């Protein structure tokens, strides 16, 4: 039976806190004794005390806090002192080795997940400090990292099931990769990949782990990209466009299954870089530009931007990571050129050294020390040459101005011949140009060097506000030279195995410069030669149906304008002659 509450009077005492029943029911309480809600419900109205129970604060003694604070201050001073010493040593060492000036503080960090193929890099001084203070922290981090790898969604792709790899197809495509791709994209250790492929052929019904599957499918996609339609039909038995679609989908699904974005396995990153470098030759460059940015972030998380020698890795891992990082830098530079943007990678972001000039066959996981660099051509020479010259083009200071900046630009211009002479002495003088791949490498060297010279001329002309006829003539001659080398690569039988790569050297900026000059220059043997060259190269680009650049429309408009201008000038000459 409910207790009868006394009638509420106007002089009822008002509590500072709501009653227990109203607080539990989350309703408004008028805080009277008894309250209206309890009176209406004919329930007992109980108000808590006016003061809250005091909190029990588990604070350490003042002396303990002071001791901990002093320890932290000493640790910060130690890190700052080490930072200053490392900055001096790092700067002095890299000034002699890097092709461009680097003035940055040293990179700190460590690998916290590391085994034969996996690595996870943390660039956090606090973590390093805590690791030294808390035993077992690194193992706890490793366990938490392993638990975090559950997502199969990759760049919006569905990690659907791909058709199993066919042994006969693998046996046919692997030699194509070794012949057409391995000498110009040297990301992988050929012998290691070959052993995986052989095992897959011997045991076709044993499912590969996701990382190996992604790597092998990227290899076979690269092989398909490298073939012309007739060759593709003879090897795969299907049209090249159909094969490109199917193999591309298979690679994307395998990368999704291997969880590229969250993966700490270097094989998945190798597969992604190989895939994007080859995809750039046959696909819209905007998509590759976006996905290349993801690859850079994954590489940073795996610590590929840190030289393996500083991380205490094996000689084999040191060199393979250097090769991978160099190709990532080249991919970033190429994608940035395609889209007319700055590179995502900057010199101050990494300390990974360029790869050594040694053949892939000279590398082995059992090496105790790296071989000495060779003089002349190896399978990594093309990568080294491109990396050093492209880095000079993209990573030198391009800020325009006057005063002291003029001397800086002049020094950059003078440093390019020094770089060219160094590359010539180290590599090209020892080439045998009767060997096709060495001839192709030499032409790509000349092409890339001419492009770097053109960039320097344009930078100096803009910075020094020069518009002289002599400067315009130099720029015109360099642009024509670039287009000649590009045409030579694309229309020579000797380049057939690497024609897929040679066709990607489409120098739209040089083409645009030539066309703009042809719109204003008079008819002459030099301009006639340049016009014939431009038409031949442009027709080849149109036949490929993929200019693959933001310059496509401007170049087409300039072609029309130059054609009209030359017709008008030729008509004026004929009229004057009559």
Protein backbone atom coordinates (compact mmCIF):
# COMPACT_ATOMS: atom_id res chain seq x y z
CA UNK A 1 0.00 0.00 0.00
CA UNK A 2 1.36 3.37 -1.00
CA UNK A 3 2.34 5.84 1.65
CA UNK A 4 0.10 8.93 1.83
CA UNK A 5 2.13 12.10 1.38
CA UNK A 6 1.25 15.27 3.32
CA UNK A 7 -0.21 18.11 1.30
CA UNK A 8 2.36 20.45 -0.21
CA UNK A 9 2.40 23.92 1.31
CA UNK A 10 3.70 27.17 -0.10
CA UNK A 11 6.40 27.22 2.59
CA UNK A 12 7.78 23.80 1.59
CA UNK A 13 11.54 23.66 1.79
CA UNK A 14 13.35 23.84 -1.56
CA UNK A 15 16.30 21.46 -2.00
CA UNK A 16 19.39 22.34 -4.02
CA UNK A 17 19.23 19.01 -5.89
CA UNK A 18 16.50 17.00 -7.65
CA UNK A 19 14.92 14.13 -5.78
CA UNK A 20 16.13 10.57 -6.31
CA UNK A 21 12.97 9.45 -8.16
CA UNK A 22 12.95 12.39 -10.64
CA UNK A 23 16.66 12.05 -11.26
CA UNK A 24 16.27 8.32 -12.00
CA UNK A 25 13.30 8.94 -14.36
CA UNK A 26 15.09 11.90 -16.07
CA UNK A 27 12.16 14.28 -15.51
CA UNK A 28 12.12 17.85 -14.27
CA UNK A 29 11.90 18.18 -10.46
CA UNK A 30 10.73 21.37 -8.70
CA UNK A 31 13.05 20.37 -5.78
CA UNK A 32 10.37 20.99 -3.14
CA UNK A 33 9.84 18.62 -0.23
CA UNK A 34 7.92 16.69 -1.38
CA UNK A 35 8.07 17.53 -5.12
CA UNK A 36 5.06 17.75 -7.42
CA UNK A 37 6.03 14.61 -9.41
CA UNK A 38 6.17 12.46 -6.28
CA UNK A 39 2.93 13.97 -4.94
CA UNK A 40 1.15 13.15 -8.18
CA UNK A 41 2.47 9.57 -8.11
CA UNK A 42 1.80 9.28 -4.38
CA UNK A 43 5.41 8.13 -3.98
CA UNK A 44 8.01 8.75 -1.34
CA UNK A 45 10.12 11.82 -2.16
CA UNK A 46 13.75 11.55 -1.06
CA UNK A 47 16.27 14.29 -1.71
CA UNK A 48 20.03 13.64 -1.53
CA UNK A 49 22.29 15.80 0.57
CA UNK A 50 23.15 19.31 -0.59
CA UNK A 51 26.86 18.47 -1.05
CA UNK A 52 28.32 15.92 -3.49
CA UNK A 53 30.58 13.23 -2.12
CA UNK A 54 34.17 14.39 -2.36
CA UNK A 55 36.20 12.81 -5.19
CA UNK A 56 39.14 10.71 -4.26
CA UNK A 57 42.10 12.02 -6.24
CA UNK A 58 44.87 9.52 -6.70
CA UNK A 59 47.62 12.07 -7.23
CA UNK A 60 51.25 11.19 -6.71
CA UNK A 61 53.24 13.18 -4.18
CA UNK A 62 54.78 16.47 -5.26
CA UNK A 63 58.28 15.01 -4.95
CA UNK A 64 57.45 12.20 -7.39
CA UNK A 65 56.07 14.67 -9.93
CA UNK A 66 59.21 16.78 -9.70
CA UNK A 67 61.40 13.71 -10.26
CA UNK A 68 59.44 12.64 -13.35
CA UNK A 69 59.50 16.19 -14.75
CA UNK A 70 63.26 16.37 -14.29
CA UNK A 71 63.69 13.04 -16.15
CA UNK A 72 61.62 14.30 -19.08
CA UNK A 73 63.57 17.57 -19.24
CA UNK A 74 66.87 15.65 -19.33
CA UNK A 75 65.52 13.39 -22.11
CA UNK A 76 64.42 16.39 -24.19
CA UNK A 77 67.85 18.01 -23.80
CA UNK A 78 69.51 14.76 -24.89
CA UNK A 79 67.31 14.50 -28.01
CA UNK A 80 67.94 18.14 -28.93
CA UNK A 81 71.71 17.68 -28.58
CA UNK A 82 71.62 14.53 -30.73
CA UNK A 83 69.44 16.36 -33.28
CA UNK A 84 72.06 19.11 -33.63
CA UNK A 85 74.97 16.69 -34.04
CA UNK A 86 73.13 14.53 -36.59
CA UNK A 87 72.07 17.53 -38.64
CA UNK A 88 75.69 18.58 -39.19
CA UNK A 89 76.85 15.07 -40.11
CA UNK A 90 73.86 14.34 -42.34
CA UNK A 91 74.21 17.59 -44.23
CA UNK A 92 77.93 17.15 -44.81
CA UNK A 93 77.53 13.59 -46.06
CA UNK A 94 74.66 14.28 -48.44
CA UNK A 95 76.10 17.41 -50.02
CA UNK A 96 78.76 15.25 -51.66
CA UNK A 97 76.40 12.49 -52.80
CA UNK A 98 73.07 14.06 -53.76
CA UNK A 99 72.61 15.59 -57.23
CA UNK A 100 70.81 18.57 -55.64
CA UNK A 101 71.39 20.61 -52.47
CA UNK A 102 69.62 19.33 -49.40
CA UNK A 103 69.49 21.36 -46.19
CA UNK A 104 67.24 19.54 -43.78
CA UNK A 105 67.32 18.16 -40.30
CA UNK A 106 67.91 14.40 -40.04
CA UNK A 107 65.06 11.94 -40.05
CA UNK A 108 64.26 10.08 -36.83
CA UNK A 109 62.31 6.89 -36.47
CA UNK A 110 62.50 3.13 -36.28
CA UNK A 111 61.02 -0.05 -37.69
CA UNK A 112 58.59 -1.49 -35.16
CA UNK A 113 57.26 -4.35 -37.30
CA UNK A 114 59.96 -6.19 -39.17
CA UNK A 115 60.45 -9.65 -40.64
CA UNK A 116 61.49 -11.13 -43.97
CA UNK A 117 59.05 -9.10 -46.10
CA UNK A 118 57.19 -6.80 -43.68
CA UNK A 119 58.10 -3.52 -42.08
CA UNK A 120 56.26 -0.76 -40.23
CA UNK A 121 58.03 2.55 -39.68
CA UNK A 122 57.31 5.05 -36.90
CA UNK A 123 58.90 8.52 -37.04
CA UNK A 124 58.03 9.55 -33.51
CA UNK A 125 60.60 10.53 -30.88
CA UNK A 126 58.00 9.97 -28.17
CA UNK A 127 57.55 6.34 -29.21
CA UNK A 128 61.32 5.77 -29.21
CA UNK A 129 61.51 7.30 -25.72
CA UNK A 130 58.62 5.21 -24.42
CA UNK A 131 60.03 2.04 -25.95
CA UNK A 132 63.16 2.51 -23.86
CA UNK A 133 61.07 3.10 -20.73
CA UNK A 134 58.39 0.40 -21.18
CA UNK A 135 59.62 -3.18 -21.74
CA UNK A 136 57.59 -5.06 -24.34
CA UNK A 137 56.08 -1.96 -25.95
CA UNK A 138 57.37 -2.90 -29.41
CA UNK A 139 55.80 -6.37 -29.18
CA UNK A 140 52.50 -4.85 -28.04
CA UNK A 141 52.62 -2.48 -31.01
CA UNK A 142 53.28 -5.39 -33.35
CA UNK A 143 50.26 -7.28 -31.99
CA UNK A 144 47.96 -4.26 -32.29
CA UNK A 145 49.21 -3.68 -35.83
CA UNK A 146 48.46 -7.28 -36.84
CA UNK A 147 44.93 -6.97 -35.43
CA UNK A 148 44.31 -3.84 -37.50
CA UNK A 149 44.65 -5.62 -40.85
CA UNK A 150 41.07 -6.63 -41.49
CA UNK A 151 39.78 -4.38 -44.26
CA UNK A 152 39.71 -5.72 -47.81
CA UNK A 153 38.54 -2.51 -49.42
CA UNK A 154 41.23 -0.93 -51.57
CA UNK A 155 40.76 2.44 -53.29
CA UNK A 156 37.08 1.72 -53.72
CA UNK A 157 37.71 -1.62 -55.43
CA UNK A 158 35.87 -4.82 -54.66
CA UNK A 159 38.26 -7.58 -53.63
CA UNK A 160 36.29 -10.06 -55.70
CA UNK A 161 37.54 -13.44 -56.72
CA UNK A 162 39.86 -13.52 -59.74
CA UNK A 163 40.33 -16.46 -62.06
CA UNK A 164 43.12 -18.76 -60.88
CA UNK A 165 46.50 -18.40 -62.55
CA UNK A 166 46.97 -20.93 -65.34
CA UNK A 167 50.38 -22.70 -65.45
CA UNK A 168 50.59 -22.53 -69.25
CA UNK A 169 49.80 -18.81 -69.21
CA UNK A 170 52.42 -18.19 -66.52
CA UNK A 171 55.04 -20.11 -68.49
CA UNK A 172 54.27 -18.01 -71.59
CA UNK A 173 54.12 -14.58 -69.92
CA UNK A 174 57.12 -14.84 -67.61
CA UNK A 175 59.71 -14.88 -70.47
CA UNK A 176 57.92 -11.86 -71.98
CA UNK A 177 58.30 -9.98 -68.72
CA UNK A 178 62.00 -10.83 -68.46
CA UNK A 179 62.61 -9.73 -72.05
CA UNK A 180 60.43 -6.60 -72.27
CA UNK A 181 60.08 -5.25 -68.72
CA UNK A 182 62.79 -6.51 -66.35
CA UNK A 183 65.57 -4.47 -68.02
CA UNK A 184 63.71 -1.14 -67.87
CA UNK A 185 61.63 -1.44 -64.66
CA UNK A 186 63.97 -3.05 -62.14
CA UNK A 187 61.82 -3.12 -59.02
CA UNK A 188 61.85 -6.88 -58.48
CA UNK A 189 64.53 -9.45 -57.79
CA UNK A 190 64.01 -11.63 -60.85
CA UNK A 191 65.34 -14.85 -59.34
CA UNK A 192 63.11 -14.59 -56.27
CA UNK A 193 59.99 -13.96 -58.37
CA UNK A 194 60.89 -16.78 -60.73
CA UNK A 195 61.04 -19.28 -57.86
CA UNK A 196 57.53 -18.25 -56.75
CA UNK A 197 56.20 -18.64 -60.31
CA UNK A 198 57.78 -22.08 -60.65
CA UNK A 199 56.15 -23.22 -57.43
CA UNK A 200 52.81 -21.88 -58.64
CA UNK A 201 53.20 -23.79 -61.92
CA UNK A 202 54.12 -27.04 -60.14
CA UNK A 203 51.25 -26.73 -57.64
CA UNK A 204 48.51 -24.83 -59.51
CA UNK A 205 45.80 -25.89 -57.05
CA UNK A 206 47.63 -24.53 -54.01
CA UNK A 207 46.35 -21.01 -53.39
CA UNK A 208 49.05 -18.37 -53.16
CA UNK A 209 49.18 -15.97 -50.25
CA UNK A 210 47.60 -12.57 -51.15
CA UNK A 211 50.97 -10.79 -51.30
CA UNK A 212 52.55 -13.24 -53.76
CA UNK A 213 49.36 -13.33 -55.81
CA UNK A 214 49.34 -9.52 -56.15
CA UNK A 215 52.99 -9.48 -57.19
CA UNK A 216 52.64 -12.19 -59.83
CA UNK A 217 49.49 -10.66 -61.31
CA UNK A 218 51.26 -7.28 -61.56
CA UNK A 219 54.13 -9.01 -63.37
CA UNK A 220 51.77 -10.56 -65.91
CA UNK A 221 49.89 -7.29 -66.40
CA UNK A 222 53.22 -5.63 -67.17
CA UNK A 223 53.97 -8.39 -69.68
CA UNK A 224 50.64 -7.79 -71.46
CA UNK A 225 51.25 -4.02 -71.57
CA UNK A 226 54.66 -4.62 -73.16
CA UNK A 227 53.29 -6.64 -76.10
CA UNK A 228 51.86 -5.34 -79.36
CA UNK A 229 48.47 -6.77 -80.49
CA UNK A 230 49.97 -9.48 -82.73
CA UNK A 231 52.40 -10.64 -80.06
CA UNK A 232 49.65 -10.66 -77.44
CA UNK A 233 47.42 -12.81 -79.64
CA UNK A 234 50.21 -15.33 -80.22
CA UNK A 235 51.03 -15.59 -76.50
CA UNK A 236 47.68 -15.25 -74.74
CA UNK A 237 45.33 -16.13 -77.58
CA UNK A 238 43.13 -13.06 -77.21
CA UNK A 239 42.98 -9.42 -78.29
CA UNK A 240 45.31 -7.06 -76.45
CA UNK A 241 42.55 -4.67 -75.31
CA UNK A 242 40.59 -7.58 -73.84
CA UNK A 243 43.68 -8.90 -72.08
CA UNK A 244 44.50 -5.46 -70.68
CA UNK A 245 41.02 -5.15 -69.15
CA UNK A 246 41.06 -8.65 -67.67
CA UNK A 247 44.60 -8.53 -66.31
CA UNK A 248 44.10 -5.02 -64.95
CA UNK A 249 40.98 -6.09 -63.06
CA UNK A 250 42.86 -9.10 -61.71
CA UNK A 251 45.68 -6.90 -60.40
CA UNK A 252 43.28 -4.44 -58.78
CA UNK A 253 41.37 -7.24 -57.08
CA UNK A 254 44.56 -8.85 -55.85
CA UNK A 255 45.82 -5.51 -54.46
CA UNK A 256 42.48 -5.09 -52.71
CA UNK A 257 42.68 -8.59 -51.29
CA UNK A 258 46.24 -7.92 -50.09
CA UNK A 259 44.96 -4.66 -48.55
CA UNK A 260 47.54 -2.32 -50.08
CA UNK A 261 46.57 0.76 -48.06
CA UNK A 262 47.13 -1.02 -44.74
CA UNK A 263 49.74 -3.56 -45.82
CA UNK A 264 53.21 -3.64 -44.31
CA UNK A 265 54.47 -6.18 -46.85
CA UNK A 266 56.99 -4.85 -49.38
CA UNK A 267 55.76 -7.28 -52.04
CA UNK A 268 52.36 -5.57 -52.16
CA UNK A 269 54.02 -2.18 -52.54
CA UNK A 270 56.30 -3.54 -55.28
CA UNK A 271 53.25 -4.89 -57.10
CA UNK A 272 51.46 -1.53 -56.87
CA UNK A 273 54.44 0.47 -58.17
CA UNK A 274 55.06 -1.92 -61.07
CA UNK A 275 51.35 -1.86 -61.90
CA UNK A 276 51.11 1.96 -61.93
CA UNK A 277 54.31 2.48 -63.95
CA UNK A 278 52.97 0.15 -66.64
CA UNK A 279 49.37 1.37 -66.38
CA UNK A 280 50.55 4.93 -67.11
CA UNK A 281 51.39 3.81 -70.66
CA UNK A 282 47.81 2.71 -71.42
CA UNK A 283 45.49 4.61 -69.07
CA UNK A 284 44.20 8.03 -68.05
CA UNK A 285 47.02 9.74 -66.17
CA UNK A 286 44.70 11.48 -63.67
CA UNK A 287 43.80 8.21 -61.98
CA UNK A 288 47.44 7.14 -61.78
CA UNK A 289 48.40 10.53 -60.32
CA UNK A 290 45.92 9.99 -57.47
CA UNK A 291 46.90 6.38 -56.83
CA UNK A 292 50.61 7.26 -56.93
CA UNK A 293 50.00 9.54 -53.95
CA UNK A 294 48.61 6.56 -52.03
CA UNK A 295 51.71 4.54 -52.94
CA UNK A 296 53.97 7.29 -51.55
CA UNK A 297 52.10 7.22 -48.23
CA UNK A 298 52.27 3.43 -48.01
CA UNK A 299 56.01 3.58 -48.75
CA UNK A 300 56.51 6.12 -45.96
CA UNK A 301 54.62 3.93 -43.50
CA UNK A 302 56.83 0.98 -44.41
CA UNK A 303 59.92 3.16 -44.01
CA UNK A 304 61.07 2.80 -47.63
CA UNK A 305 62.02 6.50 -47.57
CA UNK A 306 64.65 5.71 -44.91
CA UNK A 307 67.87 4.14 -46.08
CA UNK A 308 68.05 0.55 -44.91
CA UNK A 309 71.64 0.98 -43.80
CA UNK A 310 70.46 3.44 -41.14
CA UNK A 311 67.82 0.94 -40.02
CA UNK A 312 70.21 -2.01 -39.66
CA UNK A 313 68.73 -4.10 -42.47
CA UNK A 314 70.44 -6.85 -44.47
CA UNK A 315 72.45 -5.91 -47.60
CA UNK A 316 69.83 -7.49 -49.86
CA UNK A 317 66.94 -5.60 -48.23
CA UNK A 318 68.93 -2.34 -48.32
CA UNK A 319 69.43 -2.55 -52.08
CA UNK A 320 65.90 -3.75 -52.94
CA UNK A 321 64.36 -0.92 -50.89
CA UNK A 322 66.62 1.59 -52.65
CA UNK A 323 65.49 0.30 -56.04
CA UNK A 324 61.86 0.47 -55.00
CA UNK A 325 62.14 4.02 -53.62
CA UNK A 326 63.92 5.26 -56.77
CA UNK A 327 61.07 3.94 -58.92
CA UNK A 328 58.50 5.52 -56.58
CA UNK A 329 60.28 8.87 -57.02
CA UNK A 330 60.30 8.43 -60.81
CA UNK A 331 56.58 7.54 -60.75
CA UNK A 332 55.81 10.64 -58.66
CA UNK A 333 57.80 12.89 -61.02
CA UNK A 334 56.19 11.45 -64.16
CA UNK A 335 52.66 11.74 -62.74
CA UNK A 336 53.32 15.32 -61.64
CA UNK A 337 54.57 16.21 -65.13
CA UNK A 338 51.46 14.64 -66.68
CA UNK A 339 49.17 16.77 -64.51
CA UNK A 340 51.28 19.93 -64.27
CA UNK A 341 51.59 19.80 -60.47
CA UNK A 342 54.43 19.81 -57.97
CA UNK A 343 55.84 16.48 -56.89
CA UNK A 344 54.57 14.98 -53.67
CA UNK A 345 58.07 13.79 -52.73
CA UNK A 346 60.65 16.40 -51.79
CA UNK A 347 64.36 15.81 -51.04
CA UNK A 348 64.00 16.72 -47.37
CA UNK A 349 61.48 13.90 -46.91
CA UNK A 350 63.92 11.01 -47.31
CA UNK A 351 67.49 9.84 -46.88
CA UNK A 352 67.35 6.69 -49.01
CA UNK A 353 70.40 6.53 -51.25
CA UNK A 354 70.17 5.82 -55.00
CA UNK A 355 70.64 2.13 -55.88
CA UNK A 356 74.08 0.75 -56.63
CA UNK A 357 74.98 0.06 -60.26
CA UNK A 358 74.88 -3.72 -59.94
CA UNK A 359 72.92 -6.38 -61.81
CA UNK A 360 69.94 -8.07 -60.20
CA UNK A 361 71.67 -11.43 -60.67
CA UNK A 362 74.47 -10.25 -58.34
CA UNK A 363 71.98 -9.81 -55.50
CA UNK A 364 70.90 -12.57 -53.14
CA UNK A 365 69.10 -12.69 -49.77
CA UNK A 366 72.14 -14.52 -48.38
CA UNK A 367 74.60 -11.67 -49.08
CA UNK A 368 76.67 -10.55 -46.12
CA UNK A 369 77.78 -7.35 -47.88
CA UNK A 370 76.81 -5.53 -51.07
CA UNK A 371 78.98 -5.95 -54.18
CA UNK A 372 81.01 -3.00 -55.44
CA UNK A 373 79.22 -0.85 -58.07
CA UNK A 374 80.08 -1.71 -61.66
CA UNK A 375 81.29 0.66 -64.35
CA UNK A 376 79.12 0.79 -67.45
CA UNK A 377 75.75 -0.84 -68.07
CA UNK A 378 73.73 -2.97 -65.67
CA UNK A 379 70.00 -3.65 -65.46
CA UNK A 380 69.58 -0.74 -63.00
CA UNK A 381 71.57 1.87 -64.99
CA UNK A 382 68.52 3.31 -66.77
CA UNK A 383 66.76 3.82 -63.42
CA UNK A 384 69.82 5.55 -61.92
CA UNK A 385 70.22 7.90 -64.90
CA UNK A 386 66.53 8.82 -64.98
CA UNK A 387 66.40 9.27 -61.22
CA UNK A 388 69.38 11.64 -61.06
CA UNK A 389 68.38 13.80 -64.05
CA UNK A 390 64.66 13.89 -63.19
CA UNK A 391 65.55 14.82 -59.62
CA UNK A 392 67.59 17.73 -60.98
CA UNK A 393 64.62 18.88 -63.07
CA UNK A 394 61.96 18.53 -60.39
CA UNK A 395 63.72 19.13 -57.08
CA UNK A 396 65.93 22.13 -57.75
CA UNK A 397 64.58 25.47 -56.52
CA UNK A 398 62.34 26.91 -59.24
CA UNK A 399 61.37 30.10 -57.37
CA UNK A 400 61.69 33.12 -59.65
CA UNK A 401 62.98 36.46 -58.53
CA UNK A 402 65.91 38.81 -58.71
CA UNK A 403 69.06 39.66 -56.81
CA UNK A 404 70.64 36.74 -55.00
CA UNK A 405 68.26 34.31 -56.69
CA UNK A 406 69.93 35.04 -60.04
CA UNK A 407 73.25 33.63 -58.86
CA UNK A 408 71.40 30.61 -57.48
CA UNK A 409 69.78 29.95 -60.86
CA UNK A 410 73.09 30.37 -62.64
CA UNK A 411 74.68 27.82 -60.31
CA UNK A 412 71.85 25.40 -61.03
CA UNK A 413 72.40 25.87 -64.75
CA UNK A 414 76.14 25.22 -64.40
CA UNK A 415 75.51 22.13 -62.21
CA UNK A 416 73.64 20.34 -65.01
CA UNK A 417 76.70 19.98 -67.29
CA UNK A 418 78.62 18.66 -64.30
CA UNK A 419 75.91 16.06 -63.65
CA UNK A 420 75.83 15.13 -67.35
CA UNK A 421 79.62 14.76 -67.46
CA UNK A 422 79.54 12.58 -64.34
CA UNK A 423 76.86 10.28 -65.79
CA UNK A 424 78.69 10.15 -69.12
CA UNK A 425 81.94 9.14 -67.44
CA UNK A 426 80.39 6.60 -65.06
CA UNK A 427 78.10 4.88 -67.52
CA UNK A 428 77.72 5.94 -71.14
CA UNK A 429 81.39 5.92 -72.14
CA UNK A 430 81.42 2.20 -71.39
CA UNK A 431 78.22 1.34 -73.29
CA UNK A 432 78.25 -0.97 -76.30
CA UNK A 433 75.70 0.74 -78.56
CA UNK A 434 75.45 -2.38 -80.71
CA UNK A 435 73.46 -3.95 -77.87
CA UNK A 436 69.80 -2.79 -78.23
CA UNK A 437 69.02 -2.15 -74.56
CA UNK A 438 72.20 -0.12 -74.13
CA UNK A 439 71.37 1.92 -77.25
CA UNK A 440 67.88 2.59 -75.88
CA UNK A 441 69.32 3.64 -72.52
CA UNK A 442 71.75 6.03 -74.25
CA UNK A 443 68.94 7.68 -76.25
CA UNK A 444 66.75 8.04 -73.15
CA UNK A 445 69.74 9.63 -71.41
CA UNK A 446 70.13 12.19 -74.23
CA UNK A 447 66.39 12.85 -74.26
CA UNK A 448 66.16 13.38 -70.50
CA UNK A 449 69.29 15.54 -70.50
CA UNK A 450 67.94 17.76 -73.29
CA UNK A 451 64.71 18.12 -71.34
CA UNK A 452 66.65 19.19 -68.23
CA UNK A 453 68.56 21.76 -70.30
CA UNK A 454 65.28 23.12 -71.68
CA UNK A 455 63.85 23.46 -68.17
CA UNK A 456 66.97 25.34 -67.07
CA UNK A 457 66.77 27.72 -70.05
CA UNK A 458 63.08 28.41 -69.41
CA UNK A 459 63.70 28.98 -65.69
CA UNK A 460 66.59 31.37 -66.31
CA UNK A 461 64.69 33.21 -69.03
CA UNK A 462 61.71 33.78 -66.73
CA UNK A 463 63.81 34.66 -63.67
CA UNK A 464 66.12 37.09 -65.46
CA UNK A 465 63.28 38.52 -67.56
CA UNK A 466 65.11 37.77 -70.80
CA UNK A 467 63.28 37.77 -74.10
CA UNK A 468 66.21 37.94 -76.51
CA UNK A 469 66.25 36.31 -79.92
CA UNK A 470 69.31 34.29 -78.90
CA UNK A 471 67.46 32.82 -75.91
CA UNK A 472 64.43 31.99 -78.05
CA UNK A 473 66.69 30.29 -80.60
CA UNK A 474 68.33 28.17 -77.89
CA UNK A 475 64.93 27.11 -76.54
CA UNK A 476 63.67 26.32 -80.06
CA UNK A 477 66.76 24.20 -80.86
CA UNK A 478 66.48 22.28 -77.58
CA UNK A 479 62.76 21.62 -78.11
CA UNK A 480 63.43 20.27 -81.62
CA UNK A 481 66.22 18.09 -80.23
CA UNK A 482 63.88 16.63 -77.59
CA UNK A 483 61.28 15.79 -80.21
CA UNK A 484 63.94 14.14 -82.39
CA UNK A 485 64.99 11.83 -79.58
CA UNK A 486 61.36 11.05 -78.78
CA UNK A 487 60.67 10.19 -82.43
CA UNK A 488 63.83 8.11 -82.59
CA UNK A 489 62.66 6.01 -79.65
CA UNK A 490 59.19 5.48 -81.05
CA UNK A 491 60.07 4.67 -84.66
CA UNK A 492 63.07 2.37 -84.53
CA UNK A 493 63.02 -1.40 -84.90
CA UNK A 494 65.77 -1.77 -82.32
CA UNK A 495 63.37 -0.54 -79.61
CA UNK A 496 60.63 -3.11 -80.37
CA UNK A 497 60.82 -5.02 -77.04
CA UNK A 498 60.59 -1.72 -75.15
CA UNK A 499 58.33 0.16 -77.56
CA UNK A 500 55.60 0.23 -74.88
CA UNK A 501 57.90 2.30 -72.65
CA UNK A 502 59.32 4.42 -75.47
CA UNK A 503 55.80 5.47 -76.51
CA UNK A 504 55.29 6.94 -73.04
CA UNK A 505 58.01 9.55 -73.71
CA UNK A 506 55.62 12.08 -75.23
CA UNK A 507 57.13 15.51 -74.88
CA UNK A 508 54.04 17.69 -75.15
CA UNK A 509 55.74 20.75 -73.66
CA UNK A 510 58.53 20.62 -76.24
CA UNK A 511 55.89 20.16 -78.95
CA UNK A 512 53.95 23.19 -77.68
CA UNK A 513 57.11 25.35 -77.64
CA UNK A 514 57.96 24.40 -81.22
CA UNK A 515 54.42 25.09 -82.43
CA UNK A 516 54.30 28.48 -80.72
CA UNK A 517 57.58 29.43 -82.42
CA UNK A 518 56.34 28.16 -85.80
CA UNK A 519 53.36 30.51 -85.51
CA UNK A 520 55.71 33.51 -85.55
CA UNK A 521 58.88 32.40 -87.34
CA UNK A 522 59.28 32.91 -91.10
CA UNK A 523 59.42 30.03 -93.55
CA UNK A 524 62.97 28.61 -93.64
CA UNK A 525 64.73 25.23 -93.91
CA UNK A 526 64.90 25.08 -90.08
CA UNK A 527 61.19 25.73 -89.61
CA UNK A 528 60.30 23.36 -92.47
CA UNK A 529 62.30 20.60 -90.77
CA UNK A 530 60.68 21.35 -87.42
CA UNK A 531 57.19 21.32 -88.98
CA UNK A 532 57.78 17.96 -90.68
CA UNK A 533 59.02 16.52 -87.38
CA UNK A 534 56.05 17.91 -85.46
CA UNK A 535 53.53 16.49 -87.94
CA UNK A 536 55.12 13.03 -87.87
CA UNK A 537 55.20 12.88 -84.07
CA UNK A 538 51.69 14.30 -83.71
CA UNK A 539 50.28 11.77 -86.20
CA UNK A 540 51.92 8.99 -84.20
CA UNK A 541 50.34 10.30 -81.00
CA UNK A 542 46.95 10.43 -82.67
CA UNK A 543 47.39 6.85 -83.88
CA UNK A 544 48.12 5.75 -80.33
CA UNK A 545 44.90 7.61 -79.37
CA UNK A 546 46.30 8.41 -75.93
CA UNK A 547 48.28 11.62 -75.53
CA UNK A 548 47.68 10.98 -71.81
CA UNK A 549 48.25 14.55 -70.64
CA UNK A 550 46.52 17.80 -69.77
CA UNK A 551 48.42 19.29 -72.76
CA UNK A 552 46.33 17.37 -75.30
CA UNK A 553 43.88 20.15 -76.14
CA UNK A 554 46.44 23.01 -76.12
CA UNK A 555 48.70 21.02 -78.47
CA UNK A 556 45.79 20.35 -80.84
CA UNK A 557 44.86 24.05 -80.92
CA UNK A 558 48.48 25.04 -81.53
CA UNK A 559 48.69 22.54 -84.40
CA UNK A 560 45.75 24.24 -86.12
CA UNK A 561 47.14 27.72 -85.47
CA UNK A 562 50.63 26.81 -86.74
CA UNK A 563 49.19 25.16 -89.84
CA UNK A 564 47.12 28.25 -90.71
CA UNK A 565 50.08 30.56 -90.01
CA UNK A 566 52.41 28.57 -92.26
CA UNK A 567 49.84 28.47 -95.06
CA UNK A 568 49.42 32.25 -94.88
CA UNK A 569 53.19 32.81 -94.88
CA UNK A 570 53.67 30.39 -97.76
CA UNK A 571 50.90 32.14 -99.71
CA UNK A 572 52.54 35.51 -99.08
CA UNK A 573 55.86 34.14 -100.36
CA UNK A 574 54.22 32.78 -103.53
CA UNK A 575 52.47 36.10 -104.08
CA UNK A 576 55.71 38.02 -103.69
CA UNK A 577 57.49 35.66 -106.10
CA UNK A 578 54.87 36.23 -108.79
